Protein backbone atom coordinates (compact mmCIF):
# COMPACT_ATOMS: atom_id res chain seq x y z
CA UNK A 1 32.00 13.71 -12.23
CA UNK A 2 28.39 13.47 -10.98
CA UNK A 3 25.61 11.63 -13.11
CA UNK A 4 22.91 13.51 -14.17
CA UNK A 5 19.74 11.97 -15.58
CA UNK A 6 17.01 15.34 -16.19
CA UNK A 7 13.60 14.44 -16.91
CA UNK A 8 10.42 15.86 -17.80
CA UNK A 9 8.50 13.23 -15.21
CA UNK A 10 10.56 11.51 -13.08
CA UNK A 11 8.42 8.80 -10.81
CA UNK A 12 9.21 7.22 -7.55
CA UNK A 13 8.20 3.82 -7.25
CA UNK A 14 7.22 1.00 -9.35
CA UNK A 15 4.18 -0.48 -7.65
CA UNK A 16 0.24 -0.41 -9.69
CA UNK A 17 0.06 3.68 -9.00
CA UNK A 18 3.56 3.75 -10.46
CA UNK A 19 4.08 1.96 -13.50
CA UNK A 20 0.04 2.93 -14.25
CA UNK A 21 0.78 6.90 -13.64
CA UNK A 22 4.31 5.82 -16.44
CA UNK A 23 1.74 4.44 -18.56
CA UNK A 24 0.31 7.12 -19.08
CA UNK A 25 2.43 10.07 -19.14
CA UNK A 26 4.74 7.55 -21.71
CA UNK A 27 1.44 7.49 -24.02
CA UNK A 28 1.52 11.80 -23.31
CA UNK A 29 5.04 11.79 -25.13
CA UNK A 30 6.59 12.39 -21.72
CA UNK A 31 9.29 10.12 -21.75
CA UNK A 32 9.15 9.08 -18.34
CA UNK A 33 11.39 7.95 -15.53
CA UNK A 34 10.88 5.01 -13.24
CA UNK A 35 13.19 4.85 -9.77
CA UNK A 36 12.35 1.71 -8.82
CA UNK A 37 13.18 1.71 -5.70
CA UNK A 38 13.65 -0.65 -2.42
CA UNK A 39 10.63 -3.47 -3.66
CA UNK A 40 10.43 -2.74 -7.13
CA UNK A 41 7.02 -3.82 -8.24
CA UNK A 42 5.65 -2.77 -4.88
CA UNK A 43 3.30 -4.34 -2.04
CA UNK A 44 2.33 -7.07 -4.86
CA UNK A 45 5.53 -8.64 -5.62
CA UNK A 46 4.88 -10.39 -2.20
CA UNK A 47 1.45 -11.03 -3.06
CA UNK A 48 0.89 -15.03 -4.67
CA UNK A 49 -2.88 -15.44 -5.59
CA UNK A 50 -5.28 -12.04 -6.83
CA UNK A 51 -8.62 -12.47 -7.59
CA UNK A 52 -9.64 -9.41 -7.62
CA UNK A 53 -8.10 -7.12 -10.25
CA UNK A 54 -10.10 -6.70 -13.15
CA UNK A 55 -9.67 -8.31 -16.89
CA UNK A 56 -8.98 -11.49 -15.64
CA UNK A 57 -11.34 -14.67 -14.84
CA UNK A 58 -8.64 -16.97 -13.53
CA UNK A 59 -6.64 -16.42 -10.34
CA UNK A 60 -3.49 -14.67 -11.54
CA UNK A 61 -0.52 -14.16 -9.69
CA UNK A 62 1.32 -10.99 -8.27
CA UNK A 63 4.27 -10.91 -9.19
CA UNK A 64 3.54 -11.82 -13.38
CA UNK A 65 1.19 -8.62 -13.09
CA UNK A 66 3.74 -6.51 -11.95
CA UNK A 67 5.78 -7.97 -14.67
CA UNK A 68 2.97 -7.38 -16.86
CA UNK A 69 3.16 -3.88 -15.90
CA UNK A 70 6.31 -2.95 -15.66
CA UNK A 71 6.74 -4.61 -19.52
CA UNK A 72 3.85 -2.09 -20.59
CA UNK A 73 5.70 1.04 -18.94
CA UNK A 74 8.77 0.24 -21.10
CA UNK A 75 7.04 -0.95 -23.75
CA UNK A 76 5.28 2.81 -24.34
CA UNK A 77 8.26 4.20 -23.70
CA UNK A 78 9.35 4.52 -19.66
CA UNK A 79 12.72 4.40 -19.05
CA UNK A 80 13.02 2.10 -15.33
CA UNK A 81 15.94 2.80 -13.34
CA UNK A 82 17.43 0.80 -10.13
CA UNK A 83 17.93 3.30 -7.47
CA UNK A 84 17.17 4.48 -4.25
CA UNK A 85 16.27 8.12 -3.66
CA UNK A 86 17.88 8.76 -0.60
CA UNK A 87 17.50 12.97 -0.29
CA UNK A 88 15.03 15.43 -2.52
CA UNK A 89 15.40 18.90 -2.95
CA UNK A 90 11.50 20.19 -3.47
CA UNK A 91 12.32 23.96 -2.74
CA UNK A 92 12.53 25.15 -6.60
CA UNK A 93 11.91 23.40 -10.36
CA UNK A 94 13.19 21.48 -11.59
CA UNK A 95 13.85 19.60 -8.90
CA UNK A 96 16.75 17.44 -7.88
CA UNK A 97 16.75 13.30 -6.17
CA UNK A 98 19.95 12.32 -4.60
CA UNK A 99 20.16 8.31 -5.73
CA UNK A 100 21.96 6.00 -3.27
CA UNK A 101 24.24 5.20 -6.38
CA UNK A 102 25.58 8.89 -7.02
CA UNK A 103 23.11 9.99 -9.73
CA UNK A 104 21.13 13.24 -9.18
CA UNK A 105 17.86 12.98 -11.29
CA UNK A 106 16.76 16.73 -12.38
CA UNK A 107 12.79 17.07 -13.32
CA UNK A 108 10.48 19.06 -14.08
CA UNK A 109 7.51 17.61 -12.55
CA UNK A 110 7.88 14.56 -9.71
CA UNK A 111 5.12 11.77 -9.28
CA UNK A 112 5.67 10.26 -6.06
CA UNK A 113 4.12 6.98 -5.59
CA UNK A 114 5.97 5.34 -2.65
CA UNK A 115 3.32 3.37 -1.03
CA UNK A 116 2.59 2.31 2.29
CA UNK A 117 3.84 -0.61 4.13
CA UNK A 118 0.99 -3.13 6.66
CA UNK A 119 2.33 -3.25 9.87
CA UNK A 120 2.98 -6.72 11.21
CA UNK A 121 3.48 -7.88 14.93
CA UNK A 122 7.28 -9.20 14.08
CA UNK A 123 6.66 -12.74 15.22
CA UNK A 124 8.73 -15.71 13.49
CA UNK A 125 5.77 -17.40 13.03
CA UNK A 126 3.80 -14.47 11.89
CA UNK A 127 6.58 -14.49 8.78
CA UNK A 128 6.44 -17.80 8.04
CA UNK A 129 2.65 -18.48 7.73
CA UNK A 130 2.45 -15.00 5.34
CA UNK A 131 0.74 -16.66 2.41
CA UNK A 132 -0.78 -19.30 4.74
CA UNK A 133 -3.22 -18.23 6.39
CA UNK A 134 -1.60 -15.20 7.79
CA UNK A 135 -2.45 -11.82 6.02
CA UNK A 136 -2.82 -7.66 6.43
CA UNK A 137 -5.80 -7.33 3.72
CA UNK A 138 -9.50 -8.55 4.56
CA UNK A 139 -10.16 -7.16 1.76
CA UNK A 140 -7.78 -9.10 -0.63
CA UNK A 141 -7.81 -12.19 0.95
CA UNK A 142 -10.93 -12.76 2.68
CA UNK A 143 -12.65 -14.33 0.01
CA UNK A 144 -10.01 -17.22 0.10
CA UNK A 145 -11.73 -18.28 3.73
CA UNK A 146 -15.53 -18.78 2.98
CA UNK A 147 -17.17 -20.59 5.82
CA UNK A 148 -13.70 -20.63 7.69
CA UNK A 149 -13.13 -19.66 10.97
CA UNK A 150 -10.83 -16.42 11.10
CA UNK A 151 -9.24 -13.93 13.28
CA UNK A 152 -8.46 -10.37 13.50
CA UNK A 153 -5.95 -8.58 15.16
CA UNK A 154 -6.35 -4.92 16.52
CA UNK A 155 -8.53 -2.70 18.25
CA UNK A 156 -8.41 0.15 15.62
CA UNK A 157 -10.60 1.19 12.68
CA UNK A 158 -9.05 -1.15 10.40
CA UNK A 159 -9.49 -3.89 12.61
CA UNK A 160 -13.10 -3.38 13.03
CA UNK A 161 -13.32 -2.85 10.04
CA UNK A 162 -11.73 -6.05 8.59
CA UNK A 163 -14.04 -8.16 11.10
CA UNK A 164 -16.72 -6.59 9.52
CA UNK A 165 -16.07 -6.93 6.31
CA UNK A 166 -15.13 -10.42 7.14
CA UNK A 167 -18.29 -11.37 8.31
CA UNK A 168 -19.57 -11.64 4.78
CA UNK A 169 -17.46 -14.66 4.06
CA UNK A 170 -17.08 -16.56 7.57
CA UNK A 171 -19.84 -17.13 9.95
CA UNK A 172 -17.02 -17.52 13.16
CA UNK A 173 -14.99 -14.26 12.77
CA UNK A 174 -12.61 -13.81 16.73
CA UNK A 175 -11.73 -10.36 17.00
CA UNK A 176 -8.42 -10.25 19.18
CA UNK A 177 -7.46 -7.45 21.21
CA UNK A 178 -4.72 -6.71 23.75
CA UNK A 179 -6.87 -4.10 25.97
CA UNK A 180 -9.74 -4.19 27.33
CA UNK A 181 -11.83 -1.16 25.06
CA UNK A 182 -11.14 -0.42 21.43
CA UNK A 183 -9.91 2.57 19.93
CA UNK A 184 -12.50 2.10 16.97
CA UNK A 185 -14.69 4.80 16.25
CA UNK A 186 -18.21 4.35 18.37
CA UNK A 187 -20.13 3.57 15.35
CA UNK A 188 -18.01 1.33 14.16
CA UNK A 189 -17.94 -0.58 17.47
CA UNK A 190 -21.71 -0.86 18.01
CA UNK A 191 -21.64 -2.33 14.40
CA UNK A 192 -19.14 -4.93 15.80
CA UNK A 193 -20.97 -5.74 19.19
CA UNK A 194 -24.25 -5.71 17.50
CA UNK A 195 -22.90 -9.08 14.99
CA UNK A 196 -23.91 -12.16 15.65
CA UNK A 197 -20.93 -13.91 14.00
CA UNK A 198 -18.64 -11.98 15.43
CA UNK A 199 -16.68 -12.39 19.21
CA UNK A 200 -13.87 -10.57 21.10
CA UNK A 201 -10.86 -11.54 23.13
CA UNK A 202 -10.25 -8.82 25.62
CA UNK A 203 -6.70 -8.46 26.85
CA UNK A 204 -4.85 -11.24 24.55
CA UNK A 205 -2.05 -10.91 22.27
CA UNK A 206 -0.68 -13.44 19.59
CA UNK A 207 1.95 -15.53 20.72
CA UNK A 208 2.42 -17.42 17.95
CA UNK A 209 0.85 -18.21 14.53
CA UNK A 210 0.33 -22.40 14.54
CA UNK A 211 0.75 -23.86 11.53
CA UNK A 212 -0.24 -28.13 10.43
CA UNK A 213 -1.11 -30.17 8.19
CA UNK A 214 0.39 -30.97 4.56
CA UNK A 215 1.40 -28.77 2.84
CA UNK A 216 1.96 -26.72 5.58
CA UNK A 217 -0.84 -23.87 6.23
CA UNK A 218 -1.86 -22.07 9.89
CA UNK A 219 -4.66 -23.96 11.84
CA UNK A 220 -4.66 -21.86 15.23
CA UNK A 221 -3.09 -18.91 17.46
CA UNK A 222 -1.48 -19.15 20.94
CA UNK A 223 -2.97 -16.47 22.69
CA UNK A 224 -1.18 -14.46 25.87
CA UNK A 225 -2.92 -13.20 28.20
CA UNK A 226 -1.75 -9.47 28.98
CA UNK A 227 -2.08 -9.41 32.85
CA UNK A 228 -1.33 -13.22 33.95
CA UNK A 229 0.63 -14.58 30.88
CA UNK A 230 -0.99 -17.46 30.65
CA UNK A 231 -1.25 -19.21 26.57
CA UNK A 232 -4.30 -20.63 25.31
CA UNK A 233 -5.04 -22.04 21.97
CA UNK A 234 -7.75 -21.25 19.36
CA UNK A 235 -8.35 -22.64 16.04
CA UNK A 236 -8.50 -20.83 13.07
CA UNK A 237 -7.60 -21.58 9.06
CA UNK A 238 -7.20 -17.21 8.34
CA UNK A 239 -5.26 -14.50 10.78
CA UNK A 240 -5.70 -10.87 9.45
CA UNK A 241 -3.14 -8.21 11.31
CA UNK A 242 -4.93 -5.46 11.07
CA UNK A 243 -2.75 -2.79 13.43
CA UNK A 244 -2.14 -0.09 10.94
CA UNK A 245 -0.21 0.79 7.92
CA UNK A 246 2.97 3.12 7.63
CA UNK A 247 3.38 5.01 3.98
CA UNK A 248 6.70 5.61 3.23
CA UNK A 249 7.04 9.15 3.31
CA UNK A 250 10.20 9.41 5.81
CA UNK A 251 11.88 11.28 2.71
CA UNK A 252 9.44 14.19 2.28
CA UNK A 253 8.96 15.27 6.36
CA UNK A 254 9.08 18.66 6.07
CA UNK A 255 9.22 19.09 2.43
CA UNK A 256 5.64 18.60 1.50
CA UNK A 257 2.11 18.39 3.11
CA UNK A 258 1.70 15.55 5.49
CA UNK A 259 -1.32 14.54 7.66
CA UNK A 260 -1.25 13.28 11.13
CA UNK A 261 -0.94 9.88 9.88
CA UNK A 262 2.33 10.40 7.60
CA UNK A 263 0.12 10.38 4.43
CA UNK A 264 0.91 12.84 1.56
CA UNK A 265 -1.85 15.23 1.46
CA UNK A 266 -3.24 15.70 -1.74
CA UNK A 267 -6.15 18.53 -3.59
CA UNK A 268 -9.45 17.03 -3.10
CA UNK A 269 -10.56 14.88 -6.22
CA UNK A 270 -6.72 15.61 -7.84
CA UNK A 271 -2.99 14.15 -6.96
CA UNK A 272 -1.98 17.86 -6.65
CA UNK A 273 0.32 18.14 -3.40
CA UNK A 274 0.77 21.45 -1.77
CA UNK A 275 4.55 21.62 -3.84
CA UNK A 276 3.31 22.66 -7.51
CA UNK A 277 4.58 20.16 -9.65
CA UNK A 278 4.53 17.59 -7.36
CA UNK A 279 1.73 14.95 -7.56
CA UNK A 280 1.24 11.79 -5.61
CA UNK A 281 -1.04 8.78 -6.18
CA UNK A 282 -1.56 5.39 -4.58
CA UNK A 283 -1.06 4.31 -1.05
CA UNK A 284 1.14 6.83 -0.03
CA UNK A 285 -2.15 9.19 -0.13
CA UNK A 286 -4.92 6.81 0.41
CA UNK A 287 -5.68 5.60 3.63
CA UNK A 288 -8.89 4.41 3.04
CA UNK A 289 -8.96 2.02 0.08
CA UNK A 290 -5.44 0.67 -0.29
CA UNK A 291 -5.82 -1.52 -3.33
CA UNK A 292 -4.12 -2.13 -6.60
CA UNK A 293 -6.99 -1.32 -8.83
CA UNK A 294 -7.58 2.12 -6.90
CA UNK A 295 -3.60 2.89 -6.62
CA UNK A 296 -3.73 2.17 -10.48
CA UNK A 297 -6.53 5.00 -10.71
CA UNK A 298 -4.68 7.94 -8.80
CA UNK A 299 -1.46 6.80 -10.91
CA UNK A 300 -3.71 7.17 -13.97
CA UNK A 301 -4.72 10.33 -12.31
CA UNK A 302 -1.37 11.69 -11.67
CA UNK A 303 -0.37 11.63 -15.08
CA UNK A 304 -3.13 13.47 -16.48
CA UNK A 305 -2.44 15.92 -13.63
CA UNK A 306 1.28 15.93 -15.12
CA UNK A 307 0.34 16.37 -18.47
CA UNK A 308 -2.00 19.30 -18.19
CA UNK A 309 0.57 20.89 -15.73
CA UNK A 310 3.14 20.59 -18.28
CA UNK A 311 0.73 21.90 -20.81
CA UNK A 312 0.08 24.85 -18.78
CA UNK A 313 3.56 25.52 -17.61
CA UNK A 314 4.62 25.71 -21.51
CA UNK A 315 1.30 28.24 -22.65
CA UNK A 316 2.83 30.77 -20.15
CA UNK A 317 6.10 30.89 -21.14
CA UNK A 318 5.00 31.18 -24.70
CA UNK A 319 2.68 34.18 -23.50
CA UNK A 320 5.19 35.48 -21.88
CA UNK A 321 8.29 35.98 -24.99
């Protein structure tokens, strides 16, 4: 027999957004079920030093923060489930979610907090240098490179914005782009080209992240000329890959309204989607800020939106009797 789990609130994802939604929903007496997905704890579980989450004067560890958030969610009444959703039916309420385990989750409301992943170049040396000088978030990690040489890889809005942000910390910022023109908006390009601390290397791509020292850390990048194939090396202490993000929304294509980049669209100022009873929070709907604290904030919003939605449904049901 199929195992069916019924709940008033199902939350997909267990990063800062999903767990914050769970904490608020549980405190409202809604007994939420969090389905953790393939990466319990979200992106922060792959982050070591966290220095910008409010409430901690000293550096904390990303995995520890997520463990504490999960413990808090469970303490106030959240049920955590280790499963991965492979199909959803949002055509009617209660919604039905099919788990990889074979369990079916039936829910009156659904909070989608599946997040987004930064796109990486896919180089083995890049993987080796993650957390040792290779990063995909200047806002998160730029502070650690004060007064050091840094490089940004990419040519779109994200890359230019990250390069400009890094000038707050570094006097030597290099933007590396594989073409001879940028895809970023003109106003961003103008700001970039006018900044005295930024230089651009055109028609080059990263061939290898170069490590050195004890303990090993990034010391340089080997660059390949996209026209001639020639390899040159530049010295850098930090390299920020800024070639975009991919929201985890494959499951919802054709079932919920997504924007042109695949992010879930929500009603401005809320977490409501175009499907009544379905809410979205965190990086799956936020392509601008993408910070743990903003994800947590929208998770709070989602829980409050859920609570109000369910209260309105109950009121209407009573009024109809």
